[in-house]
Amino acid sequence: MGGSLNRNELMSVATTQTGLDDFGDIPFHEPLDVLIDTYCAPVYSACCGRRNTPSPI
């Protein structure tokens, strides 16, 4: 994935790696976007660093 994350790319990678594409009816898009925004925020990157997260994220 590129320098920043987005929901569609993340879901595409999940589908590619697992072969599964049905994420169910649970409305998780907004919470996932919040998680991604938090993960990509400069404060998170400074304190936790992306190096601690397994690739390909």
PDB file of N, CA and C in Angstrom:
ATOM      1  N   MET A   1       0.842  -1.173   0.000  1.00  0.00           N
ATOM      2  CA  MET A   1       0.000   0.000   0.000  1.00  0.00           C
ATOM      3  C   MET A   1       0.885   1.233   0.000  1.00  0.00           C
ATOM      4  N   GLY A   2       0.297   2.332  -0.353  1.00  0.00           N
ATOM      5  CA  GLY A   2       1.056   3.560  -0.485  1.00  0.00           C
ATOM      6  C   GLY A   2       1.393   4.179   0.847  1.00  0.00           C
ATOM      7  N   GLY A   3       1.672   5.491   0.810  1.00  0.00           N
ATOM      8  CA  GLY A   3       2.078   6.212   1.994  1.00  0.00           C
ATOM      9  C   GLY A   3       0.960   6.444   2.987  1.00  0.00           C
ATOM     10  N   SER A   4      -0.274   6.401   2.535  1.00  0.00           N
ATOM     11  CA  SER A   4      -1.384   6.590   3.448  1.00  0.00           C
ATOM     12  C   SER A   4      -2.386   5.459   3.259  1.00  0.00           C
ATOM     13  N   LEU A   5      -3.158   5.231   4.290  1.00  0.00           N
ATOM     14  CA  LEU A   5      -4.150   4.158   4.243  1.00  0.00           C
ATOM     15  C   LEU A   5      -5.509   4.709   3.882  1.00  0.00           C
ATOM     16  N   ASN A   6      -6.318   3.882   3.281  1.00  0.00           N
ATOM     17  CA  ASN A   6      -7.727   4.201   3.135  1.00  0.00           C
ATOM     18  C   ASN A   6      -8.511   2.892   3.207  1.00  0.00           C
ATOM     19  N   ARG A   7      -9.767   3.034   3.511  1.00  0.00           N
ATOM     20  CA  ARG A   7     -10.627   1.870   3.744  1.00  0.00           C
ATOM     21  C   ARG A   7     -10.656   0.921   2.546  1.00  0.00           C
ATOM     22  N   ASN A   8     -10.810   1.460   1.353  1.00  0.00           N
ATOM     23  CA  ASN A   8     -10.928   0.610   0.173  1.00  0.00           C
ATOM     24  C   ASN A   8      -9.663  -0.208  -0.076  1.00  0.00           C
ATOM     25  N   GLU A   9      -8.505   0.429   0.069  1.00  0.00           N
ATOM     26  CA  GLU A   9      -7.247  -0.302  -0.111  1.00  0.00           C
ATOM     27  C   GLU A   9      -7.096  -1.391   0.946  1.00  0.00           C
ATOM     28  N   LEU A  10      -7.407  -1.060   2.183  1.00  0.00           N
ATOM     29  CA  LEU A  10      -7.288  -2.014   3.275  1.00  0.00           C
ATOM     30  C   LEU A  10      -8.203  -3.216   3.048  1.00  0.00           C
ATOM     31  N   MET A  11      -9.431  -2.952   2.641  1.00  0.00           N
ATOM     32  CA  MET A  11     -10.374  -4.037   2.382  1.00  0.00           C
ATOM     33  C   MET A  11      -9.941  -4.858   1.166  1.00  0.00           C
ATOM     34  N   SER A  12      -9.361  -4.212   0.180  1.00  0.00           N
ATOM     35  CA  SER A  12      -8.859  -4.921  -0.995  1.00  0.00           C
ATOM     36  C   SER A  12      -7.719  -5.867  -0.632  1.00  0.00           C
ATOM     37  N   VAL A  13      -6.805  -5.388   0.210  1.00  0.00           N
ATOM     38  CA  VAL A  13      -5.699  -6.236   0.665  1.00  0.00           C
ATOM     39  C   VAL A  13      -6.238  -7.417   1.472  1.00  0.00           C
ATOM     40  N   ALA A  14      -7.210  -7.156   2.330  1.00  0.00           N
ATOM     41  CA  ALA A  14      -7.814  -8.237   3.126  1.00  0.00           C
ATOM     42  C   ALA A  14      -8.455  -9.284   2.222  1.00  0.00           C
ATOM     43  N   THR A  15      -9.144  -8.827   1.197  1.00  0.00           N
ATOM     44  CA  THR A  15      -9.779  -9.740   0.258  1.00  0.00           C
ATOM     45  C   THR A  15      -8.742 -10.552  -0.505  1.00  0.00           C
ATOM     46  N   THR A  16      -7.689  -9.890  -0.956  1.00  0.00           N
ATOM     47  CA  THR A  16      -6.630 -10.573  -1.694  1.00  0.00           C
ATOM     48  C   THR A  16      -5.939 -11.623  -0.832  1.00  0.00           C
ATOM     49  N   GLN A  17      -5.642 -11.282   0.403  1.00  0.00           N
ATOM     50  CA  GLN A  17      -4.904 -12.198   1.270  1.00  0.00           C
ATOM     51  C   GLN A  17      -5.751 -13.359   1.773  1.00  0.00           C
ATOM     52  N   THR A  18      -7.046 -13.149   1.926  1.00  0.00           N
ATOM     53  CA  THR A  18      -7.895 -14.209   2.484  1.00  0.00           C
ATOM     54  C   THR A  18      -8.754 -14.908   1.452  1.00  0.00           C
ATOM     55  N   GLY A  19      -9.002 -14.250   0.326  1.00  0.00           N
ATOM     56  CA  GLY A  19      -9.910 -14.791  -0.665  1.00  0.00           C
ATOM     57  C   GLY A  19     -11.375 -14.558  -0.305  1.00  0.00           C
ATOM     58  N   LEU A  20     -11.621 -13.842   0.771  1.00  0.00           N
ATOM     59  CA  LEU A  20     -12.980 -13.561   1.231  1.00  0.00           C
ATOM     60  C   LEU A  20     -13.340 -12.121   0.896  1.00  0.00           C
ATOM     61  N   ASP A  21     -14.581 -11.906   0.463  1.00  0.00           N
ATOM     62  CA  ASP A  21     -14.974 -10.548   0.113  1.00  0.00           C
ATOM     63  C   ASP A  21     -16.307 -10.126   0.725  1.00  0.00           C
ATOM     64  N   ASP A  22     -16.888 -10.959   1.553  1.00  0.00           N
ATOM     65  CA  ASP A  22     -18.149 -10.613   2.207  1.00  0.00           C
ATOM     66  C   ASP A  22     -17.837 -10.139   3.619  1.00  0.00           C
ATOM     67  N   PHE A  23     -17.920  -8.836   3.828  1.00  0.00           N
ATOM     68  CA  PHE A  23     -17.624  -8.255   5.128  1.00  0.00           C
ATOM     69  C   PHE A  23     -18.862  -8.168   6.008  1.00  0.00           C
ATOM     70  N   GLY A  24     -19.973  -8.738   5.543  1.00  0.00           N
ATOM     71  CA  GLY A  24     -21.188  -8.789   6.343  1.00  0.00           C
ATOM     72  C   GLY A  24     -21.971  -7.491   6.325  1.00  0.00           C
ATOM     73  N   ASP A  25     -23.045  -7.491   7.104  1.00  0.00           N
ATOM     74  CA  ASP A  25     -23.948  -6.346   7.152  1.00  0.00           C
ATOM     75  C   ASP A  25     -23.627  -5.380   8.284  1.00  0.00           C
ATOM     76  N   ILE A  26     -22.635  -5.684   9.076  1.00  0.00           N
ATOM     77  CA  ILE A  26     -22.290  -4.833  10.210  1.00  0.00           C
ATOM     78  C   ILE A  26     -21.790  -3.487   9.684  1.00  0.00           C
ATOM     79  N   PRO A  27     -22.345  -2.389  10.183  1.00  0.00           N
ATOM     80  CA  PRO A  27     -21.927  -1.067   9.698  1.00  0.00           C
ATOM     81  C   PRO A  27     -20.581  -0.653  10.305  1.00  0.00           C
ATOM     82  N   PHE A  28     -19.507  -1.169   9.736  1.00  0.00           N
ATOM     83  CA  PHE A  28     -18.180  -0.937  10.308  1.00  0.00           C
ATOM     84  C   PHE A  28     -17.369   0.109   9.560  1.00  0.00           C
ATOM     85  N   HIS A  29     -17.899   0.633   8.468  1.00  0.00           N
ATOM     86  CA  HIS A  29     -17.111   1.573   7.663  1.00  0.00           C
ATOM     87  C   HIS A  29     -16.697   2.816   8.441  1.00  0.00           C
ATOM     88  N   GLU A  30     -17.628   3.433   9.148  1.00  0.00           N
ATOM     89  CA  GLU A  30     -17.279   4.651   9.891  1.00  0.00           C
ATOM     90  C   GLU A  30     -16.263   4.364  11.001  1.00  0.00           C
ATOM     91  N   PRO A  31     -16.466   3.326  11.832  1.00  0.00           N
ATOM     92  CA  PRO A  31     -15.444   3.028  12.849  1.00  0.00           C
ATOM     93  C   PRO A  31     -14.083   2.674  12.235  1.00  0.00           C
ATOM     94  N   LEU A  32     -14.097   1.987  11.101  1.00  0.00           N
ATOM     95  CA  LEU A  32     -12.835   1.656  10.436  1.00  0.00           C
ATOM     96  C   LEU A  32     -12.145   2.925   9.950  1.00  0.00           C
ATOM     97  N   ASP A  33     -12.909   3.856   9.413  1.00  0.00           N
ATOM     98  CA  ASP A  33     -12.325   5.130   8.978  1.00  0.00           C
ATOM     99  C   ASP A  33     -11.708   5.887  10.158  1.00  0.00           C
ATOM    100  N   VAL A  34     -12.380   5.857  11.309  1.00  0.00           N
ATOM    101  CA  VAL A  34     -11.842   6.523  12.506  1.00  0.00           C
ATOM    102  C   VAL A  34     -10.527   5.860  12.918  1.00  0.00           C
ATOM    103  N   LEU A  35     -10.496   4.530  12.907  1.00  0.00           N
ATOM    104  CA  LEU A  35      -9.275   3.801  13.258  1.00  0.00           C
ATOM    105  C   LEU A  35      -8.140   4.154  12.307  1.00  0.00           C
ATOM    106  N   ILE A  36      -8.424   4.173  11.024  1.00  0.00           N
ATOM    107  CA  ILE A  36      -7.402   4.505  10.028  1.00  0.00           C
ATOM    108  C   ILE A  36      -6.914   5.943  10.212  1.00  0.00           C
ATOM    109  N   ASP A  37      -7.854   6.877  10.427  1.00  0.00           N
ATOM    110  CA  ASP A  37      -7.460   8.271  10.651  1.00  0.00           C
ATOM    111  C   ASP A  37      -6.564   8.402  11.875  1.00  0.00           C
ATOM    112  N   THR A  38      -6.900   7.674  12.936  1.00  0.00           N
ATOM    113  CA  THR A  38      -6.093   7.710  14.157  1.00  0.00           C
ATOM    114  C   THR A  38      -4.711   7.124  13.901  1.00  0.00           C
ATOM    115  N   TYR A  39      -4.682   6.004  13.205  1.00  0.00           N
ATOM    116  CA  TYR A  39      -3.423   5.337  12.899  1.00  0.00           C
ATOM    117  C   TYR A  39      -2.508   6.226  12.061  1.00  0.00           C
ATOM    118  N   CYS A  40      -3.105   6.994  11.161  1.00  0.00           N
ATOM    119  CA  CYS A  40      -2.315   7.836  10.255  1.00  0.00           C
ATOM    120  C   CYS A  40      -2.002   9.215  10.834  1.00  0.00           C
ATOM    121  N   ALA A  41      -2.585   9.543  11.970  1.00  0.00           N
ATOM    122  CA  ALA A  41      -2.363  10.859  12.574  1.00  0.00           C
ATOM    123  C   ALA A  41      -0.904  11.028  12.977  1.00  0.00           C
ATOM    124  N   PRO A  42      -0.369  12.226  12.835  1.00  0.00           N
ATOM    125  CA  PRO A  42       1.037  12.472  13.188  1.00  0.00           C
ATOM    126  C   PRO A  42       1.376  12.111  14.634  1.00  0.00           C
ATOM    127  N   VAL A  43       0.468  12.337  15.548  1.00  0.00           N
ATOM    128  CA  VAL A  43       0.744  12.014  16.958  1.00  0.00           C
ATOM    129  C   VAL A  43       0.926  10.520  17.134  1.00  0.00           C
ATOM    130  N   TYR A  44       0.061   9.713  16.524  1.00  0.00           N
ATOM    131  CA  TYR A  44       0.194   8.262  16.617  1.00  0.00           C
ATOM    132  C   TYR A  44       1.504   7.812  15.983  1.00  0.00           C
ATOM    133  N   SER A  45       1.793   8.332  14.802  1.00  0.00           N
ATOM    134  CA  SER A  45       3.016   7.945  14.106  1.00  0.00           C
ATOM    135  C   SER A  45       4.256   8.284  14.921  1.00  0.00           C
ATOM    136  N   ALA A  46       4.218   9.428  15.608  1.00  0.00           N
ATOM    137  CA  ALA A  46       5.375   9.849  16.399  1.00  0.00           C
ATOM    138  C   ALA A  46       5.559   8.974  17.636  1.00  0.00           C
ATOM    139  N   CYS A  47       4.453   8.617  18.302  1.00  0.00           N
ATOM    140  CA  CYS A  47       4.597   7.862  19.547  1.00  0.00           C
ATOM    141  C   CYS A  47       4.701   6.363  19.319  1.00  0.00           C
ATOM    142  N   CYS A  48       4.004   5.838  18.346  1.00  0.00           N
ATOM    143  CA  CYS A  48       3.932   4.399  18.164  1.00  0.00           C
ATOM    144  C   CYS A  48       4.701   3.922  16.944  1.00  0.00           C
ATOM    145  N   GLY A  49       4.720   4.733  15.929  1.00  0.00           N
ATOM    146  CA  GLY A  49       5.458   4.419  14.710  1.00  0.00           C
ATOM    147  C   GLY A  49       4.839   3.301  13.910  1.00  0.00           C
ATOM    148  N   ARG A  50       4.893   3.442  12.620  1.00  0.00           N
ATOM    149  CA  ARG A  50       4.358   2.420  11.743  1.00  0.00           C
ATOM    150  C   ARG A  50       5.256   1.204  11.716  1.00  0.00           C
ATOM    151  N   ARG A  51       6.480   1.341  12.175  1.00  0.00           N
ATOM    152  CA  ARG A  51       7.395   0.196  12.155  1.00  0.00           C
ATOM    153  C   ARG A  51       6.919  -0.920  13.078  1.00  0.00           C
ATOM    154  N   ASN A  52       6.059  -0.587  14.040  1.00  0.00           N
ATOM    155  CA  ASN A  52       5.548  -1.584  14.965  1.00  0.00           C
ATOM    156  C   ASN A  52       4.320  -2.319  14.439  1.00  0.00           C
ATOM    157  N   THR A  53       3.874  -1.951  13.264  1.00  0.00           N
ATOM    158  CA  THR A  53       2.694  -2.565  12.674  1.00  0.00           C
ATOM    159  C   THR A  53       3.128  -3.513  11.579  1.00  0.00           C
ATOM    160  N   PRO A  54       2.601  -4.734  11.606  1.00  0.00           N
ATOM    161  CA  PRO A  54       2.987  -5.691  10.564  1.00  0.00           C
ATOM    162  C   PRO A  54       2.613  -5.190   9.183  1.00  0.00           C
ATOM    163  N   SER A  55       3.437  -5.488   8.195  1.00  0.00           N
ATOM    164  CA  SER A  55       3.117  -5.103   6.832  1.00  0.00           C
ATOM    165  C   SER A  55       1.970  -5.972   6.327  1.00  0.00           C
ATOM    166  N   PRO A  56       1.267  -5.647   5.288  1.00  0.00           N
ATOM    167  CA  PRO A  56       1.559  -4.603   4.318  1.00  0.00           C
ATOM    168  C   PRO A  56       0.949  -3.262   4.662  1.00  0.00           C
ATOM    169  N   ILE A  57       0.455  -3.073   5.839  1.00  0.00           N
ATOM    170  CA  ILE A  57      -0.178  -1.808   6.208  1.00  0.00           C
ATOM    171  C   ILE A  57       0.874  -0.731   6.296  1.00  0.00           C
TER     172      ILE A  57
END
